[in-house]
Amino acid sequence: MPTTTIDIHPHIIASDTVRYPLAPLGGHQSDWSRTRPVTTEQMIAAMDIAGVQKAAIVQASTCYGHDNSYVADAVAAHPDRLTGVFSVDVLAPDAPARMRHWRDKGLTGMRLFTFGSTMSEQANWLDDPKSYPAWACAGELGLSVCLQMSAKALPQAVSMAARFPNVRILLDHCARPVLEDGAPYAEAASLFDLARYPNIYLKLTPRTFGEARKGKATPETFFPKLVAAFGASRLAWGSNYPSSEGALPELLRVARESLASLPKADQEWIFAKTAQVLYPALAD
């Protein structure tokens, strides 16, 4: 097993709704953040039990919208264990200023939430020219940009990858491919086509590991093909805890079992080294 394990997709929810008021994107709070919240302290405890040394805490957009205060406070309390991934309205004229504000708070990544549990329709603003100043700022600040989106937005993601080649773009949930047809995974051709863009990275989450077991798909045929296309250095593990059901040790166990057919060197990239490229604050 990899000697270092870094999680690049957990979420935290505060117990204090006065200090950290709810302001969810989409207008209503996500079910998971309401029914199984995990505080900063509980996250650190879960990481210790699971053997996860460090993490990039992703803003819970379906709970707090663009107010990243709780993530920032968590990073300030545990700078040796955590960095943060913030959210801003990239269409707003003051987006670059807000990005610099959160970067100064120790948050080293940005996430654009355009589709998900509280937004059932894919937003159409991902490649809006109004967002260009924010993307340019991300390149200037060295921020990795996570995209939470549906497959419908892949052309927009490709457009931004080509326009901003110096920005590392990280696709949540491995861009949500359809894998049921099994090897050679013709239905996921649009995913493998992304490999030609060297600044596109993929996040492997519980959703990815579940899809790799549907229909004719198997982890042993899918993940080696994914590594062959992208290289392990452009793949990284994220637990999605506690949005994904299950304890953090169990989510990590499933991830390790799913990737067990890969060489140890590839696993070391996926479970730690790629994370340290995406978020240098997590380097040893």
Foldseek 3Di string as FASTA:
>chain_A
DAPAFEAEEEEAADPDCVVQPWDAPLRAAFPCCVPPGAHLVNVVVLCVVQVHQAYAHEYRRSTRNQPCVRQLVSCVVCVLHYAYEGEDDLLDPCLLVVVVVVVVSRHAAYEDEQDDRSRPDGDDCLQPPSNVVVLVSCLVSVHAYEYAGALVCLVSVVVSCVVRVSHQYEYEQLNDFQCQVAPVRPSRVSSLVVLVRLSYAYEHEPSNLVNQPHHHHALLNPPVVVCVRNNLLRAAYHYHPPVPPDRPNVRVVSVCVSCVNDDPVSVNNHRPVSVCVNPVSNDD
